[in-house]
N, C-alpha and C. Protein backbone atom coordinates (compact mmCIF):
# COMPACT_ATOMS: atom_id res chain seq x y z
N UNK A 1 -24.09 22.59 12.00
CA UNK A 1 -24.80 21.38 11.61
C UNK A 1 -25.08 21.44 10.12
N UNK A 2 -24.81 20.34 9.43
CA UNK A 2 -25.06 20.26 8.00
C UNK A 2 -26.53 19.99 7.72
N UNK A 3 -27.02 20.66 6.67
CA UNK A 3 -28.38 20.42 6.20
C UNK A 3 -28.30 20.06 4.73
N UNK A 4 -28.85 18.91 4.36
CA UNK A 4 -28.84 18.47 2.97
C UNK A 4 -29.95 19.20 2.22
N UNK A 5 -29.55 20.00 1.22
CA UNK A 5 -30.52 20.75 0.43
C UNK A 5 -31.04 19.94 -0.75
N UNK A 6 -30.14 19.10 -1.29
CA UNK A 6 -30.53 18.25 -2.43
C UNK A 6 -29.60 17.05 -2.49
N UNK A 7 -30.19 15.89 -2.79
CA UNK A 7 -29.41 14.67 -2.99
C UNK A 7 -29.54 14.26 -4.45
N UNK A 8 -28.43 14.33 -5.17
CA UNK A 8 -28.39 13.85 -6.54
C UNK A 8 -27.83 12.44 -6.56
N UNK A 9 -27.70 11.89 -7.75
CA UNK A 9 -27.17 10.53 -7.88
C UNK A 9 -25.72 10.44 -7.42
N UNK A 10 -24.92 11.48 -7.74
CA UNK A 10 -23.49 11.45 -7.42
C UNK A 10 -23.05 12.55 -6.46
N UNK A 11 -23.83 13.60 -6.35
CA UNK A 11 -23.46 14.75 -5.53
C UNK A 11 -24.60 15.15 -4.61
N UNK A 12 -24.24 15.70 -3.47
CA UNK A 12 -25.23 16.27 -2.55
C UNK A 12 -24.89 17.75 -2.36
N UNK A 13 -25.92 18.57 -2.30
CA UNK A 13 -25.76 20.00 -2.00
C UNK A 13 -26.03 20.18 -0.51
N UNK A 14 -25.05 20.74 0.18
CA UNK A 14 -25.09 20.87 1.63
C UNK A 14 -25.11 22.34 2.03
N UNK A 15 -25.82 22.65 3.08
CA UNK A 15 -25.76 23.97 3.72
C UNK A 15 -25.09 23.77 5.07
N UNK A 16 -23.98 24.46 5.27
CA UNK A 16 -23.27 24.41 6.56
C UNK A 16 -23.13 25.84 7.05
N UNK A 17 -23.87 26.16 8.07
CA UNK A 17 -23.82 27.50 8.67
C UNK A 17 -24.05 28.60 7.65
N UNK A 18 -24.98 28.37 6.71
CA UNK A 18 -25.30 29.39 5.72
C UNK A 18 -24.45 29.35 4.46
N UNK A 19 -23.48 28.45 4.39
CA UNK A 19 -22.64 28.32 3.19
C UNK A 19 -23.01 27.05 2.45
N UNK A 20 -23.30 27.16 1.17
CA UNK A 20 -23.67 26.00 0.37
C UNK A 20 -22.45 25.46 -0.36
N UNK A 21 -22.33 24.14 -0.38
CA UNK A 21 -21.25 23.48 -1.11
C UNK A 21 -21.70 22.08 -1.51
N UNK A 22 -20.91 21.47 -2.36
CA UNK A 22 -21.22 20.15 -2.89
C UNK A 22 -20.31 19.13 -2.22
N UNK A 23 -20.86 17.95 -1.96
CA UNK A 23 -20.08 16.84 -1.44
C UNK A 23 -20.37 15.61 -2.29
N UNK A 24 -19.43 14.70 -2.34
CA UNK A 24 -19.59 13.44 -3.09
C UNK A 24 -19.63 12.33 -2.04
N UNK A 25 -20.81 11.81 -1.71
CA UNK A 25 -20.93 10.88 -0.59
C UNK A 25 -20.30 9.51 -0.82
N UNK A 26 -20.03 9.12 -2.05
CA UNK A 26 -19.51 7.78 -2.31
C UNK A 26 -18.03 7.77 -2.68
N UNK A 27 -17.31 8.77 -2.22
CA UNK A 27 -15.87 8.83 -2.47
C UNK A 27 -15.20 9.52 -1.29
N UNK A 28 -13.94 9.16 -1.07
CA UNK A 28 -13.20 9.78 0.03
C UNK A 28 -12.11 10.71 -0.47
N UNK A 29 -12.05 10.94 -1.77
CA UNK A 29 -11.07 11.85 -2.32
C UNK A 29 -10.89 11.63 -3.80
N UNK A 30 -10.04 12.47 -4.36
CA UNK A 30 -9.72 12.43 -5.79
C UNK A 30 -8.22 12.23 -5.92
N UNK A 31 -7.81 11.43 -6.91
CA UNK A 31 -6.39 11.26 -7.20
C UNK A 31 -6.11 11.76 -8.61
N UNK A 32 -4.94 12.37 -8.78
CA UNK A 32 -4.45 12.85 -10.07
C UNK A 32 -3.09 12.19 -10.26
N UNK A 33 -2.80 11.72 -11.49
CA UNK A 33 -1.55 11.00 -11.72
C UNK A 33 -0.76 11.65 -12.84
N UNK A 34 0.48 12.05 -12.51
CA UNK A 34 1.42 12.54 -13.51
C UNK A 34 2.26 11.34 -13.92
N UNK A 35 2.05 10.87 -15.16
CA UNK A 35 2.75 9.67 -15.63
C UNK A 35 3.51 10.01 -16.90
N UNK A 36 4.80 9.70 -16.89
CA UNK A 36 5.64 9.93 -18.06
C UNK A 36 6.21 8.57 -18.48
N UNK A 37 5.92 8.20 -19.73
CA UNK A 37 6.39 6.93 -20.28
C UNK A 37 7.29 7.24 -21.46
N UNK A 38 8.55 6.81 -21.38
CA UNK A 38 9.51 7.01 -22.46
C UNK A 38 9.60 8.49 -22.88
N UNK A 39 9.63 9.38 -21.90
CA UNK A 39 9.77 10.81 -22.16
C UNK A 39 8.50 11.49 -22.60
N UNK A 40 7.38 10.79 -22.61
CA UNK A 40 6.12 11.38 -23.05
C UNK A 40 5.11 11.38 -21.91
N UNK A 41 4.43 12.51 -21.78
CA UNK A 41 3.40 12.67 -20.76
C UNK A 41 2.13 11.96 -21.21
N UNK A 42 1.55 11.20 -20.31
CA UNK A 42 0.30 10.49 -20.59
C UNK A 42 -0.86 11.40 -20.20
N UNK A 43 -1.69 11.74 -21.17
CA UNK A 43 -2.84 12.61 -20.97
C UNK A 43 -4.12 11.88 -21.35
N UNK A 44 -5.23 12.36 -20.81
CA UNK A 44 -6.53 11.84 -21.18
C UNK A 44 -7.40 12.98 -21.70
N UNK A 45 -8.29 12.62 -22.60
CA UNK A 45 -9.24 13.59 -23.15
C UNK A 45 -10.62 12.96 -23.11
N UNK A 46 -11.57 13.72 -22.53
CA UNK A 46 -12.94 13.22 -22.50
C UNK A 46 -13.93 14.37 -22.46
N UNK A 47 -15.12 14.08 -22.93
CA UNK A 47 -16.18 15.08 -22.91
C UNK A 47 -16.65 15.24 -21.47
N UNK A 48 -16.69 16.48 -21.02
CA UNK A 48 -17.17 16.78 -19.67
C UNK A 48 -18.43 17.61 -19.79
N UNK A 49 -19.52 17.04 -19.32
CA UNK A 49 -20.82 17.71 -19.47
C UNK A 49 -20.85 19.07 -18.79
N UNK A 50 -20.20 19.19 -17.64
CA UNK A 50 -20.23 20.47 -16.92
C UNK A 50 -19.52 21.58 -17.69
N UNK A 51 -18.52 21.22 -18.50
CA UNK A 51 -17.81 22.20 -19.32
C UNK A 51 -18.39 22.27 -20.74
N UNK A 52 -19.21 21.29 -21.09
CA UNK A 52 -19.85 21.19 -22.41
C UNK A 52 -18.83 21.13 -23.55
N UNK A 53 -17.71 20.44 -23.30
CA UNK A 53 -16.71 20.26 -24.35
C UNK A 53 -15.72 19.18 -23.94
N UNK A 54 -14.84 18.84 -24.89
CA UNK A 54 -13.76 17.91 -24.60
C UNK A 54 -12.75 18.61 -23.68
N UNK A 55 -12.29 17.90 -22.67
CA UNK A 55 -11.32 18.45 -21.71
C UNK A 55 -10.10 17.52 -21.69
N UNK A 56 -8.93 18.12 -21.77
CA UNK A 56 -7.67 17.38 -21.72
C UNK A 56 -7.04 17.58 -20.35
N UNK A 57 -6.62 16.48 -19.74
CA UNK A 57 -6.00 16.57 -18.43
C UNK A 57 -5.18 15.35 -18.11
N UNK A 58 -4.80 15.24 -16.88
CA UNK A 58 -4.05 14.09 -16.38
C UNK A 58 -5.03 12.98 -16.00
N UNK A 59 -4.58 11.73 -16.04
CA UNK A 59 -5.44 10.65 -15.55
C UNK A 59 -5.82 10.94 -14.10
N UNK A 60 -7.08 10.68 -13.78
CA UNK A 60 -7.59 11.03 -12.45
C UNK A 60 -8.83 10.20 -12.14
N UNK A 61 -9.19 10.20 -10.88
CA UNK A 61 -10.41 9.51 -10.51
C UNK A 61 -10.66 9.57 -9.02
N UNK A 62 -11.67 8.85 -8.62
CA UNK A 62 -12.13 8.87 -7.24
C UNK A 62 -11.52 7.73 -6.43
N UNK A 63 -11.32 8.00 -5.15
CA UNK A 63 -11.02 6.95 -4.19
C UNK A 63 -12.38 6.53 -3.65
N UNK A 64 -12.83 5.38 -4.07
CA UNK A 64 -14.16 4.93 -3.68
C UNK A 64 -14.21 4.59 -2.20
N UNK A 65 -15.39 4.76 -1.61
CA UNK A 65 -15.57 4.39 -0.21
C UNK A 65 -15.81 2.89 -0.11
N UNK A 66 -15.44 2.33 1.00
CA UNK A 66 -15.69 0.91 1.27
C UNK A 66 -16.59 0.81 2.49
N UNK A 67 -17.52 -0.11 2.45
CA UNK A 67 -18.42 -0.27 3.60
C UNK A 67 -17.65 -0.78 4.82
N UNK A 68 -16.59 -1.54 4.58
CA UNK A 68 -15.75 -2.05 5.65
C UNK A 68 -14.46 -1.21 5.67
N UNK A 69 -14.23 -0.41 6.71
CA UNK A 69 -13.04 0.44 6.76
C UNK A 69 -11.73 -0.32 6.56
N UNK A 70 -11.67 -1.58 6.94
CA UNK A 70 -10.43 -2.34 6.76
C UNK A 70 -10.17 -2.65 5.28
N UNK A 71 -11.18 -2.50 4.45
CA UNK A 71 -11.06 -2.75 3.01
C UNK A 71 -10.92 -1.45 2.22
N UNK A 72 -10.80 -0.30 2.90
CA UNK A 72 -10.74 0.99 2.22
C UNK A 72 -9.50 1.08 1.33
N UNK A 73 -9.73 1.45 0.08
CA UNK A 73 -8.65 1.62 -0.89
C UNK A 73 -7.78 2.81 -0.47
N UNK A 74 -6.48 2.67 -0.59
CA UNK A 74 -5.60 3.79 -0.29
C UNK A 74 -5.56 4.73 -1.49
N UNK A 75 -5.14 5.94 -1.26
CA UNK A 75 -5.02 6.91 -2.36
C UNK A 75 -4.01 6.43 -3.39
N UNK A 76 -2.89 5.87 -2.96
CA UNK A 76 -1.88 5.41 -3.92
C UNK A 76 -2.39 4.24 -4.75
N UNK A 77 -3.14 3.32 -4.14
CA UNK A 77 -3.72 2.21 -4.90
C UNK A 77 -4.75 2.74 -5.91
N UNK A 78 -5.53 3.74 -5.51
CA UNK A 78 -6.51 4.34 -6.42
C UNK A 78 -5.80 5.01 -7.59
N UNK A 79 -4.66 5.65 -7.33
CA UNK A 79 -3.92 6.33 -8.40
C UNK A 79 -3.45 5.33 -9.45
N UNK A 80 -2.88 4.22 -9.01
CA UNK A 80 -2.41 3.20 -9.96
C UNK A 80 -3.60 2.58 -10.69
N UNK A 81 -4.68 2.30 -9.97
CA UNK A 81 -5.88 1.73 -10.59
C UNK A 81 -6.45 2.66 -11.65
N UNK A 82 -6.57 3.94 -11.32
CA UNK A 82 -7.13 4.91 -12.28
C UNK A 82 -6.23 5.05 -13.51
N UNK A 83 -4.92 5.08 -13.31
CA UNK A 83 -3.99 5.16 -14.44
C UNK A 83 -4.22 3.97 -15.37
N UNK A 84 -4.30 2.77 -14.80
CA UNK A 84 -4.51 1.57 -15.61
C UNK A 84 -5.86 1.58 -16.31
N UNK A 85 -6.91 1.91 -15.57
CA UNK A 85 -8.26 1.89 -16.16
C UNK A 85 -8.41 2.91 -17.27
N UNK A 86 -7.95 4.13 -17.04
CA UNK A 86 -8.18 5.20 -18.02
C UNK A 86 -7.24 5.16 -19.20
N UNK A 87 -6.03 4.62 -19.02
CA UNK A 87 -5.03 4.75 -20.08
C UNK A 87 -4.45 3.42 -20.59
N UNK A 88 -4.53 2.37 -19.80
CA UNK A 88 -3.85 1.13 -20.16
C UNK A 88 -2.40 1.10 -19.73
N UNK A 89 -1.91 2.20 -19.14
CA UNK A 89 -0.55 2.25 -18.61
C UNK A 89 -0.60 1.87 -17.13
N UNK A 90 0.53 1.39 -16.62
CA UNK A 90 0.63 1.11 -15.20
C UNK A 90 1.91 1.74 -14.67
N UNK A 91 2.05 1.72 -13.36
CA UNK A 91 3.25 2.28 -12.71
C UNK A 91 3.73 1.28 -11.68
N UNK A 92 5.05 1.18 -11.54
CA UNK A 92 5.60 0.29 -10.52
C UNK A 92 5.35 0.88 -9.13
N UNK A 93 5.26 2.21 -9.06
CA UNK A 93 4.94 2.88 -7.80
C UNK A 93 4.50 4.31 -8.10
N UNK A 94 3.92 4.93 -7.09
CA UNK A 94 3.55 6.35 -7.19
C UNK A 94 4.01 7.05 -5.92
N UNK A 95 4.35 8.32 -6.08
CA UNK A 95 4.79 9.13 -4.94
C UNK A 95 3.84 10.30 -4.77
N UNK A 96 3.30 10.44 -3.58
CA UNK A 96 2.42 11.58 -3.29
C UNK A 96 3.26 12.85 -3.24
N UNK A 97 2.85 13.88 -4.01
CA UNK A 97 3.60 15.13 -4.02
C UNK A 97 2.79 16.31 -3.51
N UNK A 98 1.47 16.18 -3.44
CA UNK A 98 0.64 17.27 -2.93
C UNK A 98 -0.73 16.74 -2.56
N UNK A 99 -1.35 17.41 -1.60
CA UNK A 99 -2.70 17.03 -1.18
C UNK A 99 -3.38 18.28 -0.66
N UNK A 100 -4.63 18.50 -1.11
CA UNK A 100 -5.36 19.65 -0.61
C UNK A 100 -6.72 19.79 -1.27
N UNK A 101 -7.48 20.80 -0.83
CA UNK A 101 -8.82 20.99 -1.37
C UNK A 101 -8.75 21.43 -2.83
N UNK A 102 -9.68 20.92 -3.62
CA UNK A 102 -9.66 21.21 -5.05
C UNK A 102 -10.34 22.54 -5.38
N UNK A 103 -11.41 22.85 -4.70
CA UNK A 103 -12.12 24.11 -4.89
C UNK A 103 -12.87 24.41 -3.59
N UNK A 104 -12.16 24.91 -2.57
CA UNK A 104 -12.72 24.98 -1.22
C UNK A 104 -13.94 25.88 -1.06
N UNK A 105 -14.21 26.73 -2.03
CA UNK A 105 -15.41 27.54 -1.95
C UNK A 105 -16.64 26.83 -2.48
N UNK A 106 -16.44 25.71 -3.19
CA UNK A 106 -17.57 25.05 -3.85
C UNK A 106 -17.77 23.60 -3.44
N UNK A 107 -16.71 22.93 -2.96
CA UNK A 107 -16.81 21.51 -2.64
C UNK A 107 -15.87 21.16 -1.49
N UNK A 108 -16.20 20.06 -0.82
CA UNK A 108 -15.33 19.58 0.26
C UNK A 108 -14.33 18.54 -0.23
N UNK A 109 -14.26 18.31 -1.54
CA UNK A 109 -13.36 17.30 -2.09
C UNK A 109 -11.89 17.66 -1.88
N UNK A 110 -11.12 16.62 -1.59
CA UNK A 110 -9.68 16.76 -1.41
C UNK A 110 -8.99 15.96 -2.51
N UNK A 111 -8.01 16.60 -3.13
CA UNK A 111 -7.29 16.01 -4.25
C UNK A 111 -5.88 15.67 -3.79
N UNK A 112 -5.39 14.51 -4.24
CA UNK A 112 -4.01 14.11 -3.98
C UNK A 112 -3.33 13.91 -5.32
N UNK A 113 -2.20 14.57 -5.52
CA UNK A 113 -1.44 14.45 -6.77
C UNK A 113 -0.30 13.47 -6.54
N UNK A 114 -0.16 12.55 -7.49
CA UNK A 114 0.91 11.56 -7.45
C UNK A 114 1.76 11.68 -8.70
N UNK A 115 3.06 11.41 -8.55
CA UNK A 115 3.95 11.25 -9.69
C UNK A 115 4.22 9.75 -9.78
N UNK A 116 3.99 9.20 -10.98
CA UNK A 116 4.15 7.77 -11.20
C UNK A 116 5.59 7.45 -11.60
N UNK A 117 6.10 6.33 -11.11
CA UNK A 117 7.43 5.84 -11.46
C UNK A 117 7.29 4.50 -12.17
N UNK A 118 8.23 4.21 -13.06
CA UNK A 118 8.22 2.94 -13.76
C UNK A 118 6.98 2.76 -14.62
N UNK A 119 6.63 3.78 -15.38
CA UNK A 119 5.41 3.76 -16.19
C UNK A 119 5.64 2.94 -17.46
N UNK A 120 4.76 1.96 -17.67
CA UNK A 120 4.82 1.12 -18.87
C UNK A 120 3.41 0.83 -19.36
N UNK A 121 3.32 0.50 -20.64
CA UNK A 121 2.04 0.12 -21.21
C UNK A 121 1.69 -1.27 -20.72
N UNK A 122 0.51 -1.43 -20.12
CA UNK A 122 0.11 -2.72 -19.56
C UNK A 122 -0.87 -3.45 -20.49
N UNK A 123 -1.75 -2.70 -21.11
CA UNK A 123 -2.77 -3.32 -21.94
C UNK A 123 -3.79 -2.30 -22.38
N UNK A 124 -5.02 -2.75 -22.54
CA UNK A 124 -6.10 -1.88 -22.98
C UNK A 124 -6.70 -1.13 -21.81
N UNK A 125 -7.39 -0.04 -22.14
CA UNK A 125 -8.14 0.70 -21.13
C UNK A 125 -9.23 -0.21 -20.57
N UNK A 126 -9.64 0.07 -19.35
CA UNK A 126 -10.76 -0.65 -18.71
C UNK A 126 -11.77 0.40 -18.27
N UNK A 127 -12.50 0.93 -19.25
CA UNK A 127 -13.39 2.05 -19.00
C UNK A 127 -14.74 1.60 -18.47
N UNK A 128 -15.36 2.47 -17.66
CA UNK A 128 -16.74 2.25 -17.25
C UNK A 128 -17.62 2.41 -18.48
N UNK A 129 -18.83 1.88 -18.43
CA UNK A 129 -19.73 1.91 -19.56
C UNK A 129 -20.04 3.29 -20.09
N UNK A 130 -20.02 4.30 -19.22
CA UNK A 130 -20.35 5.66 -19.65
C UNK A 130 -19.11 6.50 -19.96
N UNK A 131 -17.93 5.89 -19.96
CA UNK A 131 -16.70 6.63 -20.23
C UNK A 131 -16.25 6.45 -21.67
N UNK A 132 -15.76 7.53 -22.25
CA UNK A 132 -15.16 7.53 -23.58
C UNK A 132 -13.92 8.40 -23.47
N UNK A 133 -12.79 7.77 -23.20
CA UNK A 133 -11.55 8.50 -22.92
C UNK A 133 -10.53 8.21 -24.00
N UNK A 134 -10.01 9.28 -24.59
CA UNK A 134 -8.94 9.16 -25.57
C UNK A 134 -7.62 9.42 -24.85
N UNK A 135 -6.62 8.60 -25.12
CA UNK A 135 -5.30 8.74 -24.49
C UNK A 135 -4.35 9.42 -25.46
N UNK A 136 -3.60 10.38 -24.97
CA UNK A 136 -2.56 11.06 -25.74
C UNK A 136 -1.24 10.88 -25.00
N UNK A 137 -0.16 10.63 -25.73
CA UNK A 137 1.18 10.65 -25.14
C UNK A 137 1.96 11.72 -25.90
N UNK A 138 2.38 12.75 -25.17
CA UNK A 138 2.96 13.94 -25.77
C UNK A 138 4.36 14.19 -25.20
N UNK A 139 5.31 14.42 -26.09
CA UNK A 139 6.66 14.77 -25.68
C UNK A 139 6.59 16.07 -24.86
N UNK A 140 7.26 16.08 -23.72
CA UNK A 140 7.20 17.26 -22.85
C UNK A 140 7.65 18.54 -23.55
N UNK A 141 8.63 18.44 -24.44
CA UNK A 141 9.11 19.63 -25.16
C UNK A 141 8.04 20.17 -26.10
N UNK A 142 7.15 19.32 -26.58
CA UNK A 142 6.10 19.72 -27.52
C UNK A 142 4.80 20.10 -26.82
N UNK A 143 4.71 19.85 -25.53
CA UNK A 143 3.45 20.01 -24.81
C UNK A 143 2.82 21.39 -24.92
N UNK A 144 3.54 22.49 -24.69
CA UNK A 144 2.89 23.80 -24.78
C UNK A 144 2.25 24.06 -26.15
N UNK A 145 2.98 23.75 -27.20
CA UNK A 145 2.46 23.96 -28.55
C UNK A 145 1.26 23.04 -28.82
N UNK A 146 1.36 21.79 -28.40
CA UNK A 146 0.29 20.83 -28.61
C UNK A 146 -0.98 21.26 -27.89
N UNK A 147 -0.84 21.73 -26.64
CA UNK A 147 -2.01 22.17 -25.88
C UNK A 147 -2.66 23.40 -26.52
N UNK A 148 -1.85 24.35 -26.97
CA UNK A 148 -2.40 25.54 -27.64
C UNK A 148 -3.20 25.13 -28.88
N UNK A 149 -2.68 24.17 -29.63
CA UNK A 149 -3.38 23.70 -30.83
C UNK A 149 -4.72 23.07 -30.44
N UNK A 150 -4.76 22.31 -29.35
CA UNK A 150 -6.02 21.69 -28.92
C UNK A 150 -7.01 22.77 -28.46
N UNK A 151 -6.52 23.81 -27.80
CA UNK A 151 -7.41 24.91 -27.40
C UNK A 151 -8.01 25.60 -28.63
N UNK A 152 -7.20 25.80 -29.67
CA UNK A 152 -7.71 26.42 -30.90
C UNK A 152 -8.79 25.55 -31.55
N UNK A 153 -8.73 24.25 -31.31
CA UNK A 153 -9.73 23.33 -31.84
C UNK A 153 -11.00 23.29 -30.99
N UNK A 154 -11.02 24.04 -29.88
CA UNK A 154 -12.21 24.11 -29.04
C UNK A 154 -12.18 23.27 -27.78
N UNK A 155 -11.07 22.61 -27.52
CA UNK A 155 -10.96 21.83 -26.30
C UNK A 155 -10.54 22.75 -25.14
N UNK A 156 -10.82 22.31 -23.93
CA UNK A 156 -10.35 23.04 -22.76
C UNK A 156 -9.26 22.20 -22.10
N UNK A 157 -8.35 22.88 -21.40
CA UNK A 157 -7.27 22.22 -20.68
C UNK A 157 -7.58 22.31 -19.19
N UNK A 158 -7.61 21.15 -18.54
CA UNK A 158 -7.83 21.12 -17.09
C UNK A 158 -6.58 21.71 -16.44
N UNK A 159 -6.76 22.76 -15.67
CA UNK A 159 -5.61 23.45 -15.09
C UNK A 159 -4.83 22.60 -14.09
N UNK A 160 -5.43 21.52 -13.60
CA UNK A 160 -4.69 20.63 -12.71
C UNK A 160 -3.51 19.99 -13.44
N UNK A 161 -3.57 19.95 -14.76
CA UNK A 161 -2.45 19.43 -15.55
C UNK A 161 -1.18 20.23 -15.25
N UNK A 162 -1.29 21.54 -15.22
CA UNK A 162 -0.12 22.38 -14.96
C UNK A 162 0.35 22.25 -13.51
N UNK A 163 -0.59 22.08 -12.61
CA UNK A 163 -0.23 21.87 -11.21
C UNK A 163 0.59 20.59 -11.08
N UNK A 164 0.11 19.51 -11.70
CA UNK A 164 0.83 18.24 -11.64
C UNK A 164 2.19 18.31 -12.29
N UNK A 165 2.26 18.99 -13.44
CA UNK A 165 3.54 19.11 -14.14
C UNK A 165 4.59 19.87 -13.34
N UNK A 166 4.15 20.75 -12.47
CA UNK A 166 5.11 21.53 -11.68
C UNK A 166 5.98 20.64 -10.80
N UNK A 167 5.55 19.40 -10.59
CA UNK A 167 6.32 18.48 -9.76
C UNK A 167 7.32 17.65 -10.55
N UNK A 168 7.25 17.72 -11.89
CA UNK A 168 8.19 16.96 -12.71
C UNK A 168 8.97 17.83 -13.67
N UNK A 169 8.52 19.05 -13.86
CA UNK A 169 9.18 19.96 -14.79
C UNK A 169 9.10 21.36 -14.19
N UNK A 170 10.23 22.03 -13.95
CA UNK A 170 10.23 23.29 -13.23
C UNK A 170 9.35 24.38 -13.85
N UNK A 171 9.32 24.47 -15.16
CA UNK A 171 8.54 25.54 -15.79
C UNK A 171 7.94 25.03 -17.09
N UNK A 172 6.64 25.05 -17.17
CA UNK A 172 5.96 24.64 -18.39
C UNK A 172 5.33 25.88 -18.98
N UNK A 173 5.91 26.39 -20.07
CA UNK A 173 5.37 27.58 -20.70
C UNK A 173 4.12 27.27 -21.48
N UNK A 174 3.29 28.28 -21.67
CA UNK A 174 2.07 28.10 -22.44
C UNK A 174 2.21 28.97 -23.64
């Protein structure tokens, strides 16, 4: 039986049989999007309070819950929506390439990785009021060097970036 230890605005701390973990009550999952436009990988950079620094990663976001199950957003629709909102790029379609727990010792969240097809610039970002996201488009051949340079500048690289890239590029050296 689950026992709620704390309810925050976005996260709840749960005790299940003596194990504590975090759950996000207003989402049914996380989507990550690997999008390549004209040979360049679309990346996002934003300040993450939990890491206390700028973090570079793939476009990503939550699959929001719907009060009416028949209106529930699909993971693929969420992936395209998040790509458009965070970057201004869109995709003609997305293909699910992996799904699983993101950090099973700490949270019950499940992540789905998509590879986007037919990626084109659609317009401006549509950010939430509290979001400040910088978009980078980086040539895949330059990516390892570019990421190392960003790390030297004090940014962190979200490791899910490498996981996502493994589905479009066999080996990404660092």
